[in-house]
Amino acid sequence: MSTSMTWHETATRINQFYRLTKPRVVSLIVFTAVIGMFLAVPGAVPLDILIFGTIGIALVAGAAAALNCLVEQKMDAVMARTKGRPLPQGKVSVPETLFFLLIVGGLGLFILYHWINELTMWLTLGTFVGYAIIYTVILKPLTPQNIVIGGASGAMPPVLGWAAVTGDVTADALLLFLIIFAWTPPHFWALALYRKNEYASIGMPMLPVTHGDQFTKLHVLLYTIILCIVTTLPYVTQMSGLIYLASSIVLNGIFMYYAIEIYRNYSDQLAREAFRYSILYLALLFVALLVDHYFFF
C-alpha cells in the first residue's frame, strides 16, 4: 500500500512540473518547428536532427513557459483561466520551479549545441529571452502592443526547425516567421476580448482594457486582413503550390468570417470560437504547406 502511494505521489509531482511547461502551448510550438524542418529540405529530414532538434526545442520552450508561470504566479492566482496552475495552487515552490526550468532549459540548449548546430542553439536561446524576459517581464505589463512586439519570439519555432536542418536562415524560413507573426495579434486579441475583465482586474494593459472593445475588434479585423495577405506569399514566391493556395483560401475565408462577425456582431461566445479556430487554423495551414511541399517533390 505504501509503495503504491509513493508511486502515486511521485506521478502527481511529475505531472505538476509537466504542467509548468504549458504542454498545449508547447505542442503547437514544437509542431511548427518540426514542419519548418521538413520544409527546409526537398527530401527526408535526417533522423538524428529530427529527434534531437525536436527534443532540444521542446525542452527550451518548456523552460520558457515555466519561467512565465514563475513571473506571473500572482496574476495567475487571480485569473480564472490560470488560477489552477501549479504555482498559484502551491503544488510546486518557487525554488523548485527555478531549479526545474534551469535544468530543463540548460539540457535543451546543450542538446541543440552538441547534436544540432550552434546557430540553432543561439536562436533558441534568443527566443527564450524574447518570450520569457522581454515579453513576459518587460512588454506585457508595459504596453497594449505587447502581443504584437512580443509575437516575434512566438513566431520563431519554424525558423529554429529550419536552422536545425540547414544551419542557415533563408527567405523562405522568414516567410514562415512572418505568417505566425501576423497570426498572433488576431489570435490573442480574440482571447483578450472575452477575458477583458480579468486582465483589467490585475492591471494588465491589454488592448481591450486600454483602448476599448471597438478599437480591439477593428484591430482583430485589420490584422486578419494582413494575415490573409501574408499567407499568400509562399505561393507568390513559389515556395508552395496550388494545394497550399487552395487550403489557405479556405482557411482564411473562415478566419475572415470570424473577424467580420466579431467586428459587427460581437459576443463572448463568438470570440471564444474565433480563438479556438485560430489554433486549428495555424495547424492546418502548416499541414497544407507540408503536404504541398512533398506533393510537388
Foldseek 3Di string as FASTA:
>chain_A
DVVVVVVVVVVVLVVLLVVLLVVVLLVLLLLLLLLLQLLLDLDDFPPLLSVLLSQLLSLLSSLLSNLLCLVCVVLLCQAPVRVPRCDNVVVDDNVVSVVSSCVSNVVSLCSCPPRFHDVLSVLSVVLSCLRNPVLRPPQFQPDQCSQLVSQLSVLCSSQSSSCRRVVDGDPVSVLSSVLSSLLRLLLVLLVCLLRVVSCVVVNGPHCCVPPNQLVSLVVSLVSLVVNLVSQCVCPVVVSFHDQLVVLSVVLSVVLNVLSVCCNPPNDNVSSVVSNVSSSVSSSVSSVSSSVRSNVVD
